[in-house]
Amino acid sequence: MSEKLSLSKVASGLQDSLKNPTTQVTLVSAAGGSVAAGTCGAAVGLFSGGALGAACGVIPAVFTFGLSIPIGAAIGSGAGLFAGTAVGGSIGAVGGGTAGYLYKTKGKKKQEGPAVKFFDSRDVDQVIPLPPKSYPAALQGMIWMDQGGAFGKTDVPFSAPDLALSFGDTAFSMLDAPSRTIDVDVTGPAWQWMNAKDAYFVFLALKKIGFFYHFQFNEDYSHVQIYPSVNLGALGKWSLPKLLMSFTMVLQTPPADIGPFPTASTLYEDRVKFAKWDRVSSGLLSPLLGKYGVFHYYVYQIVDGEGRRVQPYYDACTSLASQSTKPDPSWAVYLGLEVPEGHGFVGLRSDSLSSSSSLKTYGSAS
């Protein structure tokens, strides 16, 4: 005769199961996958739903004096947000849980991940490659994205876990003079990431989808439109339309009456006047939100075209890198990265991607 199922036995069995390391890793991975994919799904749903809603609102706009367009965008964004979160969260939970289970059941060997280089942030000028000397002055040297306002004011409510970059990854892309365009690989050797767990995850996620930025400069290189893009292999390269989200950089010139560099007495909010670029973000609904629909943060030059450190920006960048260092060796190994030592890391270019035979070069025809 079969044994009766009691509540205490179910609880005991569940307790034993939760003590199992494989179950623990599976649950944690499922939760992580759900959050990550749910967030991505929410973003996609928000913007695509908003665009579709706005488009649907165009027809009745004739009768509503245009109010149906923002209303349609708001409704579409809301619906897309919830749908994207639900679908993305479900897919992420299944995918993350499966990945965690396979990792635990296949053994604890170090996973094969992308090649990266961890280094001391004070040596960033020796790690990130500088652009060719033939590039325009605006692209020379190395820059630091102060998204979080470590040095000067910012409008951005949160900061990505990245730091410095250059246009020197010539194995990935070179400046095309006729079109004034260049691509920058965020997982390549010319883009620095913080030594922290969230940076590991973001780096690997972007690596998987072939994420890069496409820069389109104006004629005198004083303004650039930046297009977030992905390389989907056989499906081609895709860029986010600037109608949905617009990212630009505007070259700044410090006022002549205050000198080229800030001093110890320069106010925090005035330091941005010395930044090389004003980085501006806006979106589909920005016109409806006024000043709250446009965000600014500032980009400082930390190394000049000759490879010389530019102060006080270089030290401010390396100080932020040091303060944000929160190495997590267990997660790094789990994700296939080397043991994290130092204050940051860059991706390394594999031999298969180092061939520049098919790349556009500076001064070539488009």
Protein backbone atom coordinates (compact mmCIF):
# COMPACT_ATOMS: atom_id res chain seq x y z
CA MET A 1 0.00 0.00 0.00
CA SER A 2 1.40 3.40 -0.96
CA GLU A 3 2.40 5.86 1.75
CA LYS A 4 0.09 8.81 2.27
CA LEU A 5 1.40 12.20 1.22
CA SER A 6 1.56 14.56 4.22
CA LEU A 7 2.34 18.27 4.42
CA SER A 8 5.31 17.61 6.69
CA LYS A 9 6.83 15.16 4.22
CA VAL A 10 6.39 17.63 1.36
CA ALA A 11 8.07 20.35 3.42
CA SER A 12 10.89 17.98 4.38
CA GLY A 13 11.44 16.98 0.77
CA LEU A 14 11.42 20.59 -0.36
CA GLN A 15 13.92 21.48 2.35
CA ASP A 16 16.27 18.70 1.26
CA SER A 17 15.96 19.79 -2.36
CA LEU A 18 16.81 23.39 -1.54
CA LYS A 19 19.98 22.22 0.21
CA ASN A 20 21.13 20.63 -3.04
CA PRO A 21 23.84 22.81 -4.68
CA THR A 22 22.50 22.03 -8.15
CA THR A 23 19.05 23.27 -7.16
CA GLN A 24 20.51 26.41 -5.61
CA VAL A 25 22.52 27.31 -8.72
CA THR A 26 19.54 26.58 -10.95
CA LEU A 27 17.21 28.84 -8.93
CA VAL A 28 19.72 31.67 -8.71
CA SER A 29 20.43 31.45 -12.45
CA ALA A 30 16.71 31.39 -13.22
CA ALA A 31 16.14 34.49 -11.10
CA GLY A 32 19.08 36.28 -12.69
CA GLY A 33 17.97 35.33 -16.18
CA SER A 34 14.44 36.49 -15.44
CA VAL A 35 15.62 39.90 -14.23
CA ALA A 36 18.08 40.41 -17.09
CA ALA A 37 15.80 39.27 -19.89
CA GLY A 38 12.78 40.90 -18.27
CA THR A 39 14.59 44.24 -18.21
CA CYS A 40 15.59 43.89 -21.86
CA GLY A 41 12.07 42.85 -22.77
CA ALA A 42 10.68 45.81 -20.89
CA ALA A 43 12.96 48.21 -22.74
CA VAL A 44 12.14 46.74 -26.13
CA GLY A 45 8.42 46.71 -25.33
CA LEU A 46 8.52 50.24 -24.00
CA PHE A 47 10.13 51.77 -27.09
CA SER A 48 8.57 49.58 -29.77
CA GLY A 49 5.14 49.84 -28.14
CA GLY A 50 5.53 53.59 -27.88
CA ALA A 51 6.48 53.89 -31.52
CA LEU A 52 3.57 51.70 -32.63
CA GLY A 53 1.14 53.55 -30.37
CA ALA A 54 2.29 56.90 -31.70
CA ALA A 55 1.90 55.66 -35.27
CA CYS A 56 -1.63 54.46 -34.54
CA GLY A 57 -2.42 57.86 -33.06
CA VAL A 58 -1.53 59.69 -36.25
CA ILE A 59 -4.82 58.86 -38.02
CA PRO A 60 -7.21 60.20 -35.34
CA ALA A 61 -4.85 63.14 -34.71
CA VAL A 62 -6.78 65.14 -37.29
CA PHE A 63 -9.79 65.08 -34.98
CA THR A 64 -7.97 65.45 -31.67
CA PHE A 65 -5.59 68.32 -32.51
CA GLY A 66 -2.66 65.91 -32.26
CA LEU A 67 -3.38 64.70 -28.73
CA SER A 68 -3.95 61.15 -29.91
CA ILE A 69 -0.27 60.83 -30.88
CA PRO A 70 1.20 61.19 -27.39
CA ILE A 71 -1.76 59.30 -25.90
CA GLY A 72 -1.19 56.45 -28.35
CA ALA A 73 2.50 56.48 -27.55
CA ALA A 74 1.80 56.34 -23.81
CA ILE A 75 -0.68 53.48 -24.15
CA GLY A 76 1.61 51.59 -26.51
CA SER A 77 4.60 52.11 -24.23
CA GLY A 78 2.66 50.86 -21.20
CA ALA A 79 1.35 47.80 -22.98
CA GLY A 80 4.74 47.07 -24.47
CA LEU A 81 6.42 47.50 -21.09
CA PHE A 82 4.23 44.92 -19.36
CA ALA A 83 4.22 42.49 -22.27
CA GLY A 84 7.96 42.78 -22.75
CA THR A 85 8.63 42.25 -19.06
CA ALA A 86 6.40 39.17 -18.92
CA VAL A 87 7.76 37.53 -22.04
CA GLY A 88 11.37 38.48 -21.39
CA GLY A 89 11.15 37.43 -17.74
CA SER A 90 9.70 34.03 -18.65
CA ILE A 91 12.31 33.36 -21.33
CA GLY A 92 15.09 34.56 -19.03
CA ALA A 93 13.93 32.33 -16.18
CA VAL A 94 13.89 29.24 -18.37
CA GLY A 95 17.15 30.09 -20.12
CA GLY A 96 18.97 31.14 -16.97
CA GLY A 97 17.74 28.13 -15.01
CA THR A 98 18.77 25.76 -17.77
CA ALA A 99 22.20 27.36 -18.03
CA GLY A 100 22.69 27.13 -14.28
CA TYR A 101 21.61 23.51 -14.18
CA LEU A 102 23.89 22.53 -17.06
CA TYR A 103 26.81 24.38 -15.50
CA LYS A 104 26.36 22.59 -12.17
CA THR A 105 25.75 19.14 -13.61
CA LYS A 106 28.54 19.31 -16.19
CA GLY A 107 31.17 20.00 -13.53
CA LYS A 108 32.94 22.98 -12.07
CA LYS A 109 35.54 23.42 -14.75
CA LYS A 110 36.27 26.96 -15.89
CA GLN A 111 33.95 27.84 -18.74
CA GLU A 112 35.34 29.01 -22.05
CA GLY A 113 34.71 32.75 -22.19
CA PRO A 114 35.98 35.69 -24.22
CA ALA A 115 39.60 36.73 -23.77
CA VAL A 116 39.95 39.78 -21.53
CA LYS A 117 42.77 41.71 -19.90
CA PHE A 118 42.50 42.98 -16.32
CA PHE A 119 44.86 45.82 -15.42
CA ASP A 120 45.66 48.58 -12.94
CA SER A 121 43.63 51.66 -13.91
CA ARG A 122 46.72 53.88 -13.53
CA ASP A 123 48.09 52.09 -16.59
CA VAL A 124 45.06 52.62 -18.81
CA ASP A 125 47.11 54.87 -21.11
CA GLN A 126 49.40 51.89 -21.74
CA VAL A 127 46.53 49.44 -22.40
CA ILE A 128 43.93 51.15 -24.60
CA PRO A 129 45.29 51.76 -28.12
CA LEU A 130 45.37 55.32 -29.44
CA PRO A 131 43.88 56.24 -32.85
CA PRO A 132 46.14 56.78 -35.88
CA LYS A 133 47.74 60.24 -36.03
CA SER A 134 45.98 60.81 -39.37
CA TYR A 135 42.57 61.00 -37.67
CA PRO A 136 40.98 64.43 -37.04
CA ALA A 137 41.86 66.15 -33.76
CA ALA A 138 38.40 65.50 -32.30
CA LEU A 139 39.04 61.73 -32.41
CA GLN A 140 42.58 61.82 -31.02
CA GLY A 141 43.68 60.50 -27.64
CA MET A 142 41.49 58.81 -25.06
CA ILE A 143 38.24 59.97 -23.43
CA TRP A 144 36.37 59.20 -20.22
CA MET A 145 32.57 59.03 -19.95
CA ASP A 146 31.68 60.58 -16.58
CA GLN A 147 28.11 59.33 -16.59
CA GLY A 148 27.78 59.17 -12.82
CA GLY A 149 29.11 62.68 -12.18
CA ALA A 150 32.31 61.70 -10.38
CA PHE A 151 34.06 64.86 -11.62
CA GLY A 152 31.33 67.21 -12.89
CA LYS A 153 27.54 67.44 -12.84
CA THR A 154 25.34 65.00 -14.75
CA ASP A 155 21.63 64.53 -15.48
CA VAL A 156 21.89 60.76 -15.79
CA PRO A 157 20.20 58.97 -12.86
CA PHE A 158 22.40 55.87 -13.13
CA SER A 159 25.77 54.94 -14.56
CA ALA A 160 26.89 52.04 -16.74
CA PRO A 161 29.93 50.10 -15.42
CA ASP A 162 32.32 51.39 -18.09
CA LEU A 163 35.02 54.08 -18.03
CA ALA A 164 37.44 55.11 -20.79
CA LEU A 165 37.55 54.53 -24.54
CA SER A 166 39.33 55.52 -27.72
CA PHE A 167 38.83 55.24 -31.48
CA GLY A 168 42.01 53.18 -31.72
CA ASP A 169 40.61 49.67 -32.22
CA THR A 170 41.65 49.62 -35.87
CA ALA A 171 41.27 45.84 -36.11
CA PHE A 172 37.52 46.31 -35.67
CA SER A 173 36.91 49.51 -37.63
CA MET A 174 38.78 52.45 -39.09
CA LEU A 175 37.48 55.91 -39.81
CA ASP A 176 35.93 56.20 -43.26
CA ALA A 177 36.72 59.77 -44.36
CA PRO A 178 34.10 60.18 -47.12
CA SER A 179 31.20 59.19 -44.87
CA ARG A 180 32.87 60.36 -41.62
CA THR A 181 31.80 57.18 -39.84
CA ILE A 182 33.49 54.73 -37.53
CA ASP A 183 32.31 51.77 -35.42
CA VAL A 184 33.46 51.15 -31.86
CA ASP A 185 33.33 47.69 -30.28
CA VAL A 186 32.38 48.00 -26.58
CA THR A 187 33.82 44.54 -25.91
CA GLY A 188 37.12 45.23 -27.68
CA PRO A 189 40.53 46.46 -26.50
CA ALA A 190 39.62 50.16 -26.79
CA TRP A 191 36.76 50.16 -24.25
CA GLN A 192 37.43 49.92 -20.50
CA TRP A 193 35.05 48.21 -18.06
CA MET A 194 35.04 48.36 -14.27
CA ASN A 195 36.24 45.39 -12.26
CA ALA A 196 32.84 44.51 -10.79
CA LYS A 197 30.26 41.78 -11.16
CA ASP A 198 27.72 43.89 -13.03
CA ALA A 199 30.41 44.81 -15.56
CA TYR A 200 31.16 41.10 -16.14
CA PHE A 201 27.51 40.42 -16.93
CA VAL A 202 27.00 43.47 -19.15
CA PHE A 203 30.23 42.79 -21.04
CA LEU A 204 29.31 39.16 -21.76
CA ALA A 205 25.72 40.00 -22.71
CA LEU A 206 26.87 42.66 -25.19
CA LYS A 207 29.54 40.31 -26.52
CA LYS A 208 26.91 37.66 -27.26
CA ILE A 209 24.76 39.98 -29.36
CA GLY A 210 27.66 41.68 -31.16
CA PHE A 211 26.85 45.09 -29.70
CA PHE A 212 28.75 48.12 -30.98
CA TYR A 213 28.30 51.87 -31.52
CA HIS A 214 28.16 53.43 -34.97
CA PHE A 215 29.46 57.04 -34.94
CA GLN A 216 28.36 59.49 -37.65
CA PHE A 217 30.24 62.82 -37.53
CA ASN A 218 29.34 66.11 -39.19
CA GLU A 219 31.67 67.85 -41.65
CA ASP A 220 33.93 69.56 -39.09
CA TYR A 221 33.73 66.74 -36.50
CA SER A 222 32.11 69.01 -33.92
CA HIS A 223 28.93 66.91 -33.63
CA VAL A 224 28.35 63.17 -33.75
CA GLN A 225 25.21 61.03 -33.90
CA ILE A 226 25.72 57.72 -32.08
CA TYR A 227 23.71 54.65 -33.08
CA PRO A 228 23.55 51.65 -30.70
CA SER A 229 23.92 48.65 -33.04
CA VAL A 230 24.11 44.87 -33.05
CA ASN A 231 25.76 42.42 -35.41
CA LEU A 232 23.45 39.42 -35.79
CA GLY A 233 25.66 37.56 -38.22
CA ALA A 234 23.61 36.15 -41.08
CA LEU A 235 20.74 38.48 -40.11
CA GLY A 236 22.96 41.51 -40.69
CA LYS A 237 23.79 44.61 -38.67
CA TRP A 238 20.97 46.62 -37.12
CA SER A 239 20.98 50.07 -35.52
CA LEU A 240 18.45 51.74 -33.23
CA PRO A 241 16.66 54.55 -35.14
CA LYS A 242 17.37 57.97 -33.65
CA LEU A 243 13.62 58.63 -33.72
CA LEU A 244 13.24 56.19 -30.84
CA MET A 245 16.38 57.11 -28.92
CA SER A 246 18.89 59.75 -29.94
CA PHE A 247 22.45 59.82 -28.60
CA THR A 248 24.73 62.67 -29.64
CA MET A 249 28.00 64.32 -28.60
CA VAL A 250 28.68 68.01 -29.09
CA LEU A 251 32.28 69.28 -29.06
CA GLN A 252 32.84 71.98 -26.46
CA THR A 253 35.27 74.92 -26.32
CA PRO A 254 36.11 76.26 -22.84
CA PRO A 255 35.35 79.97 -22.43
CA ALA A 256 38.47 82.04 -23.11
CA ASP A 257 38.15 84.00 -19.87
CA ILE A 258 38.49 80.99 -17.58
CA GLY A 259 41.46 79.16 -19.12
CA PRO A 260 41.79 75.66 -20.61
CA PHE A 261 41.67 73.67 -17.34
CA PRO A 262 39.71 73.81 -14.07
CA THR A 263 41.46 74.85 -10.89
CA ALA A 264 41.09 73.69 -7.29
CA SER A 265 38.56 76.48 -6.74
CA THR A 266 36.38 75.63 -9.75
CA LEU A 267 32.87 74.76 -8.61
CA TYR A 268 31.60 71.22 -9.21
CA GLU A 269 28.83 72.40 -11.54
CA ASP A 270 31.28 74.55 -13.52
CA ARG A 271 33.74 71.74 -14.24
CA VAL A 272 31.61 70.55 -17.14
CA LYS A 273 32.58 73.69 -19.07
CA PHE A 274 36.03 72.14 -19.50
CA ALA A 275 34.75 68.79 -20.79
CA LYS A 276 35.65 67.87 -24.36
CA TRP A 277 32.17 66.63 -25.27
CA ASP A 278 28.61 67.22 -24.09
CA ARG A 279 26.89 63.84 -24.34
CA VAL A 280 23.13 64.29 -24.95
CA SER A 281 20.39 61.64 -24.76
CA SER A 282 16.75 62.04 -25.79
CA GLY A 283 13.88 59.82 -26.89
CA LEU A 284 10.60 59.56 -28.70
CA LEU A 285 8.64 61.23 -25.90
CA SER A 286 11.27 63.86 -25.07
CA PRO A 287 9.37 66.72 -26.75
CA LEU A 288 6.47 66.06 -24.39
CA LEU A 289 8.65 66.03 -21.28
CA GLY A 290 10.51 69.28 -21.88
CA LYS A 291 13.78 69.59 -19.98
CA TYR A 292 13.06 66.29 -18.23
CA GLY A 293 13.13 64.46 -21.54
CA VAL A 294 16.76 65.33 -22.36
CA PHE A 295 19.76 64.12 -20.36
CA HIS A 296 23.34 65.42 -20.38
CA TYR A 297 26.56 63.99 -19.08
CA TYR A 298 30.08 65.04 -19.97
CA VAL A 299 33.06 63.39 -21.59
CA TYR A 300 36.60 64.41 -20.65
CA GLN A 301 39.84 63.88 -22.54
CA ILE A 302 42.24 61.96 -20.29
CA VAL A 303 45.05 61.29 -22.83
CA ASP A 304 45.98 63.55 -25.72
CA GLY A 305 46.98 62.57 -29.26
CA GLU A 306 50.63 62.27 -28.26
CA GLY A 307 49.86 59.82 -25.46
CA ARG A 308 50.32 62.36 -22.65
CA ARG A 309 48.05 62.25 -19.63
CA VAL A 310 45.66 65.19 -19.34
CA GLN A 311 45.10 66.33 -15.76
CA PRO A 312 43.07 66.54 -13.62
CA TYR A 313 40.84 64.26 -15.72
CA TYR A 314 43.23 61.30 -15.90
CA ASP A 315 43.52 61.04 -12.12
CA ALA A 316 39.77 61.56 -11.68
CA CYS A 317 39.05 58.65 -14.03
CA THR A 318 41.57 56.30 -12.40
CA SER A 319 40.26 57.28 -8.96
CA LEU A 320 36.71 56.34 -9.97
CA ALA A 321 38.00 53.04 -11.36
CA SER A 322 39.70 52.30 -8.05
CA GLN A 323 36.64 53.25 -5.98
CA SER A 324 34.30 51.14 -8.10
CA THR A 325 36.49 48.03 -7.99
CA LYS A 326 34.54 45.15 -6.47
CA PRO A 327 36.14 41.99 -7.87
CA ASP A 328 34.18 38.77 -7.68
CA PRO A 329 36.49 35.86 -8.62
CA SER A 330 33.78 33.21 -8.27
CA TRP A 331 31.46 34.90 -10.76
CA ALA A 332 34.33 35.78 -13.07
CA VAL A 333 35.41 32.14 -13.28
CA TYR A 334 31.80 30.99 -13.62
CA LEU A 335 31.32 33.32 -16.57
CA GLY A 336 34.55 32.19 -18.21
CA LEU A 337 36.70 35.22 -17.42
CA GLU A 338 40.18 35.16 -15.92
CA VAL A 339 40.70 35.87 -12.22
CA PRO A 340 39.95 39.61 -11.88
CA GLU A 341 42.99 41.54 -10.69
CA GLY A 342 43.30 45.30 -11.03
CA HIS A 343 40.76 48.11 -11.44
CA GLY A 344 39.31 47.35 -14.84
CA PHE A 345 39.44 45.25 -17.96
CA VAL A 346 39.16 45.33 -21.74
CA GLY A 347 38.29 42.66 -24.26
CA LEU A 348 41.04 41.22 -26.42
CA ARG A 349 40.72 40.87 -30.17
CA SER A 350 40.88 37.29 -31.41
CA ASP A 351 42.94 36.44 -34.49
CA SER A 352 39.80 35.74 -36.47
CA LEU A 353 38.65 39.34 -35.96
CA SER A 354 42.04 40.98 -36.42
CA SER A 355 42.08 40.90 -40.19
CA SER A 356 41.44 44.37 -41.57
CA SER A 357 41.24 43.30 -45.19
CA SER A 358 37.53 44.05 -45.41
CA LEU A 359 37.55 47.21 -43.29
CA LYS A 360 37.14 50.69 -44.64
CA THR A 361 40.23 52.78 -44.08
CA TYR A 362 40.75 56.48 -43.51
CA GLY A 363 40.76 58.26 -46.84
CA SER A 364 39.27 55.35 -48.79
CA ALA A 365 36.23 55.49 -50.98
CA SER A 366 32.97 54.44 -49.41
